Protein backbone atom coordinates (compact mmCIF):
# COMPACT_ATOMS: atom_id res chain seq x y z
CA MET A 1 -11.10 143.10 -47.32
CA ASP A 2 -14.36 142.31 -45.53
CA VAL A 3 -14.54 143.83 -42.10
CA ILE A 4 -16.49 140.83 -40.65
CA GLU A 5 -16.28 137.28 -41.91
CA ALA A 6 -18.35 134.56 -40.24
CA VAL A 7 -18.29 130.91 -41.19
CA GLY A 8 -20.73 128.41 -39.67
CA LEU A 9 -21.07 130.74 -36.70
CA GLY A 10 -23.45 129.68 -33.94
CA LYS A 11 -24.27 130.42 -30.32
CA ARG A 12 -26.39 128.19 -28.16
CA TYR A 13 -27.99 129.28 -24.88
CA GLY A 14 -28.75 126.04 -23.02
CA ARG A 15 -30.85 124.00 -25.44
CA LYS A 16 -31.82 127.00 -27.65
CA TRP A 17 -29.73 128.40 -30.52
CA GLY A 18 -29.63 132.22 -30.53
CA LEU A 19 -27.70 132.07 -33.84
CA ARG A 20 -27.08 129.06 -35.98
CA ASP A 21 -24.94 128.18 -39.02
CA CYS A 22 -24.35 131.88 -39.82
CA THR A 23 -22.05 132.36 -42.80
CA LEU A 24 -21.72 135.91 -44.09
CA SER A 25 -19.30 138.65 -45.12
CA VAL A 26 -19.67 142.33 -44.19
CA PRO A 27 -17.90 144.61 -46.66
CA ALA A 28 -15.50 147.24 -45.33
CA GLY A 29 -15.97 150.97 -45.76
CA CYS A 30 -19.76 151.17 -45.64
CA VAL A 31 -22.74 151.35 -43.28
CA THR A 32 -24.32 147.90 -42.85
CA GLY A 33 -27.80 147.62 -41.42
CA LEU A 34 -28.61 144.48 -39.41
CA VAL A 35 -32.36 144.02 -39.19
CA GLY A 36 -34.73 141.48 -37.77
CA PRO A 37 -37.47 141.07 -35.16
CA ASN A 38 -36.75 140.71 -31.44
CA GLY A 39 -35.10 137.35 -30.81
CA SER A 40 -33.78 137.02 -34.37
CA GLY A 41 -30.13 136.93 -33.25
CA LYS A 42 -29.02 140.50 -33.96
CA THR A 43 -27.52 141.14 -30.52
CA THR A 44 -25.97 137.63 -30.45
CA LEU A 45 -24.23 138.21 -33.79
CA LEU A 46 -22.87 141.62 -32.73
CA SER A 47 -21.78 140.32 -29.32
CA LEU A 48 -19.87 137.52 -31.04
CA ALA A 49 -18.26 140.03 -33.42
CA VAL A 50 -17.01 142.32 -30.65
CA GLY A 51 -15.87 139.41 -28.49
CA MET A 52 -18.33 139.85 -25.60
CA ILE A 53 -19.34 136.19 -25.93
CA ARG A 54 -17.70 133.15 -27.46
CA PRO A 55 -19.22 131.05 -30.24
CA THR A 56 -20.57 127.56 -29.69
CA ALA A 57 -19.69 126.73 -33.29
CA GLY A 58 -17.90 128.29 -36.21
CA THR A 59 -15.58 131.28 -36.45
CA VAL A 60 -15.83 135.03 -36.86
CA LEU A 61 -13.03 137.40 -37.92
CA VAL A 62 -12.90 141.17 -37.54
CA ALA A 63 -10.60 142.92 -40.00
CA GLY A 64 -8.78 139.62 -40.41
CA GLU A 65 -8.32 139.09 -36.62
CA THR A 66 -10.12 136.53 -34.45
CA ALA A 67 -13.06 138.22 -32.74
CA GLY A 68 -12.37 138.72 -29.04
CA SER A 69 -8.59 138.77 -29.50
CA ARG A 70 -6.61 141.78 -28.26
CA ALA A 71 -5.89 142.82 -31.86
CA ALA A 72 -9.56 142.63 -32.80
CA ARG A 73 -10.68 144.55 -29.68
CA ASP A 74 -8.26 147.33 -30.45
CA LEU A 75 -9.82 147.71 -33.88
CA THR A 76 -13.43 147.72 -32.72
CA ALA A 77 -15.66 150.22 -30.88
CA PHE A 78 -19.03 149.12 -29.53
CA VAL A 79 -22.06 151.27 -28.61
CA ALA A 80 -24.86 149.38 -26.87
CA GLN A 81 -28.45 150.52 -26.56
CA ASP A 82 -27.83 151.38 -22.91
CA ALA A 83 -24.39 152.95 -23.12
CA PRO A 84 -22.43 152.71 -19.88
CA LEU A 85 -22.27 156.41 -19.06
CA TYR A 86 -21.77 157.67 -15.50
CA GLN A 87 -24.74 159.96 -14.95
CA ASN A 88 -23.23 161.99 -12.08
CA LEU A 89 -19.98 162.86 -13.86
CA PRO A 90 -19.43 165.98 -15.91
CA VAL A 91 -18.87 165.24 -19.59
CA ARG A 92 -15.21 166.21 -19.19
CA ASP A 93 -14.67 163.57 -16.52
CA MET A 94 -16.57 161.00 -18.54
CA LEU A 95 -14.04 161.53 -21.31
CA ARG A 96 -11.19 161.16 -18.79
CA VAL A 97 -12.58 157.82 -17.61
CA ALA A 98 -12.86 156.59 -21.20
CA ARG A 99 -9.34 157.80 -22.01
CA ASN A 100 -7.93 155.83 -19.07
CA LEU A 101 -9.76 152.69 -20.17
CA ASN A 102 -8.56 152.67 -23.76
CA VAL A 103 -5.16 152.18 -25.36
CA ARG A 104 -6.14 154.04 -28.52
CA TRP A 105 -7.60 157.46 -27.75
CA ASP A 106 -7.85 160.80 -29.59
CA GLN A 107 -8.75 163.44 -27.00
CA ASP A 108 -8.69 166.29 -29.53
CA ARG A 109 -11.15 164.43 -31.74
CA ALA A 110 -13.54 163.88 -28.81
CA VAL A 111 -13.43 167.49 -27.52
CA SER A 112 -13.74 168.96 -31.03
CA ARG A 113 -16.71 166.74 -31.86
CA LEU A 114 -18.60 167.58 -28.64
CA ASP A 115 -17.92 171.25 -29.17
CA GLY A 116 -19.38 171.04 -32.67
CA LEU A 117 -22.46 169.38 -31.26
CA GLY A 118 -22.87 172.07 -28.58
CA ILE A 119 -22.42 169.61 -25.73
CA PRO A 120 -20.57 171.48 -22.83
CA LEU A 121 -17.75 169.60 -21.15
CA LYS A 122 -18.86 170.93 -17.77
CA GLN A 123 -22.43 169.60 -18.18
CA ARG A 124 -23.38 166.63 -16.01
CA VAL A 125 -24.03 163.51 -18.10
CA GLY A 126 -27.35 162.88 -16.34
CA ALA A 127 -28.62 166.34 -17.39
CA LEU A 128 -28.09 165.69 -21.11
CA SER A 129 -30.97 164.87 -23.40
CA GLY A 130 -31.36 161.38 -24.77
CA GLY A 131 -29.91 162.49 -28.14
CA GLN A 132 -26.93 164.16 -26.44
CA LYS A 133 -26.20 161.04 -24.41
CA ALA A 134 -26.29 158.99 -27.59
CA GLN A 135 -23.89 161.45 -29.25
CA LEU A 136 -21.57 161.33 -26.24
CA ALA A 137 -21.47 157.55 -26.42
CA LEU A 138 -20.73 157.75 -30.17
CA THR A 139 -18.02 160.35 -29.52
CA ILE A 140 -16.31 158.05 -27.03
CA ALA A 141 -16.46 155.19 -29.54
CA LEU A 142 -15.03 157.34 -32.36
CA ALA A 143 -12.24 158.69 -30.13
CA ARG A 144 -10.88 155.13 -30.03
CA ARG A 145 -10.14 155.50 -33.76
CA PRO A 146 -11.68 152.10 -34.63
CA GLU A 147 -11.73 150.38 -37.94
CA LEU A 148 -15.13 148.88 -37.11
CA LEU A 149 -17.94 150.71 -35.30
CA VAL A 150 -20.64 148.39 -33.95
CA LEU A 151 -23.95 149.83 -32.72
CA ASP A 152 -26.63 147.61 -31.13
CA GLU A 153 -30.08 149.23 -31.33
CA PRO A 154 -28.63 152.75 -30.84
CA LEU A 155 -31.86 154.48 -31.88
CA ALA A 156 -34.33 152.67 -29.66
CA ALA A 157 -34.76 155.39 -27.03
CA LEU A 158 -34.42 158.40 -29.28
CA ASP A 159 -37.08 160.66 -30.80
CA PRO A 160 -37.28 160.91 -34.63
CA LEU A 161 -35.10 164.05 -34.87
CA ALA A 162 -32.42 162.66 -32.57
CA ARG A 163 -32.44 159.41 -34.56
CA ALA A 164 -31.90 161.27 -37.81
CA ASP A 165 -29.09 163.38 -36.34
CA PHE A 166 -27.40 160.28 -34.88
CA MET A 167 -27.40 158.31 -38.10
CA LYS A 168 -26.21 161.40 -40.02
CA SER A 169 -23.28 161.49 -37.59
CA VAL A 170 -22.53 157.82 -38.22
CA ARG A 171 -22.48 158.28 -42.01
CA GLU A 172 -20.25 161.35 -41.66
CA ALA A 173 -17.84 159.42 -39.44
CA VAL A 174 -17.69 156.52 -41.88
CA ALA A 175 -16.84 158.90 -44.67
CA ALA A 176 -14.40 161.13 -42.75
CA ASP A 177 -12.55 158.39 -40.86
CA GLN A 178 -12.80 155.76 -43.60
CA ILE A 179 -14.19 153.20 -41.17
CA SER A 180 -16.92 150.56 -41.32
CA ALA A 181 -20.14 150.64 -39.30
CA VAL A 182 -22.64 147.91 -38.48
CA PHE A 183 -25.84 148.84 -36.67
CA SER A 184 -28.76 146.72 -35.66
CA THR A 185 -32.37 147.87 -35.58
CA HIS A 186 -35.92 146.55 -35.82
CA VAL A 187 -37.17 149.83 -37.40
CA VAL A 188 -37.10 148.80 -41.03
CA ALA A 189 -38.09 152.19 -42.51
CA GLU A 190 -34.94 153.91 -41.28
CA LEU A 191 -32.55 151.54 -43.05
CA GLU A 192 -33.27 152.81 -46.56
CA GLN A 193 -31.83 156.23 -45.82
CA VAL A 194 -28.59 155.17 -44.13
CA ALA A 195 -27.49 151.62 -44.99
CA ASP A 196 -25.38 150.71 -48.02
CA TYR A 197 -25.52 146.99 -47.18
CA LEU A 198 -28.25 144.98 -45.49
CA ILE A 199 -28.36 141.73 -43.51
CA VAL A 200 -31.73 140.34 -42.52
CA LEU A 201 -31.96 137.81 -39.67
CA GLY A 202 -34.90 135.67 -38.74
CA ARG A 203 -35.10 133.03 -35.96
CA GLY A 204 -31.34 132.91 -35.62
CA ALA A 205 -30.52 132.51 -39.33
CA VAL A 206 -29.48 134.79 -42.18
CA LEU A 207 -32.47 135.34 -44.53
CA LEU A 208 -30.96 137.91 -46.88
CA SER A 209 -27.75 139.83 -47.37
CA GLY A 210 -26.45 142.20 -50.02
CA THR A 211 -26.22 145.83 -51.07
CA THR A 212 -29.47 147.75 -51.12
CA ALA A 213 -29.15 148.02 -54.91
CA GLU A 214 -28.59 144.27 -55.34
CA LEU A 215 -31.55 143.34 -53.16
CA THR A 216 -33.84 145.84 -54.90
CA ALA A 217 -32.84 144.57 -58.35
CA ALA A 218 -33.26 140.93 -57.35
CA HIS A 219 -36.80 141.53 -56.17
CA GLY A 220 -38.25 143.33 -59.12
CA GLY A 221 -37.49 146.88 -58.09
CA GLN A 222 -39.19 146.66 -54.69
CA SER A 223 -37.93 149.07 -52.04
CA PRO A 224 -35.49 147.74 -49.44
CA GLU A 225 -38.26 148.00 -46.86
CA GLN A 226 -40.61 145.86 -48.98
CA VAL A 227 -37.84 143.28 -49.60
CA ILE A 228 -37.08 143.03 -45.89
CA LEU A 229 -40.71 142.76 -44.77
CA SER A 230 -41.45 140.11 -47.39
CA ALA A 231 -38.49 138.01 -46.20
CA LEU A 232 -39.54 138.36 -42.57
CA ARG A 233 -43.16 137.42 -43.34
CA GLN A 234 -42.09 134.32 -45.26
CA ASN A 235 -39.79 133.32 -42.40
CA ALA A 236 -42.56 133.79 -39.84
CA GLU A 237 -45.03 131.74 -41.95
CA HIS A 238 -42.43 128.98 -42.36
CA GLY A 239 -41.91 128.91 -38.59
CA GLN A 240 -45.65 128.66 -37.94
CA GLY A 241 -45.92 125.84 -40.49
CA HIS A 242 -43.02 123.97 -38.90
CA ALA A 243 -44.57 124.36 -35.44
CA ARG A 244 -47.88 122.87 -36.71
CA GLU A 245 -46.02 119.88 -38.20
CA VAL A 246 -44.19 119.29 -34.90
CA ALA A 247 -47.48 119.51 -33.00
CA ARG A 248 -48.91 116.71 -35.16
């Protein structure tokens, strides 16, 4: 079963569409990379999938449940770029807060994972490094035992080593817990190493989707990075041409 199924999905903000006529399927059991420039609709799509906002048009299902429903929320864990961590709390108390806010919670999983990462429970959250904070947010998400892990630009504030460690953790969690992960990024080069499936957005529309192998084969053996950049350039040129036509 696909972990996300969107049909004719759209979200309008005032007179502008942040996402429009989006129809796609995200396969279960893999790491899916969602890529596109700023303003392409990545955050809108993920926010619709986790039920943070409601669609203007169309539908989106998560593991067969309507996005935003209680059943779908219980199956989904979300990590935003700016994870809501309480800086003045010790890590131990941050876990306690998260446990009290969630119906599904595996305390042993959380404590064991942090211990393996060398993150002390007594350490104040605000004193952690950027990479450690990202790992704490990921630990809280995984302790919910989700079927779908959604990450919105989780690497933006991390240095290269912390980014590599974080995505290694995501891949290990997908394999160990047999879950699905979808993460958005605008750093195209990092996708090739971690994503099994790719979705490329441009100006609120789906430009490409498929496994990395499928996309590479369909474009003459080009690397995933080359395929993505080519699609984004063509979309940008089309947009410029359309703007010129409107101006006339």
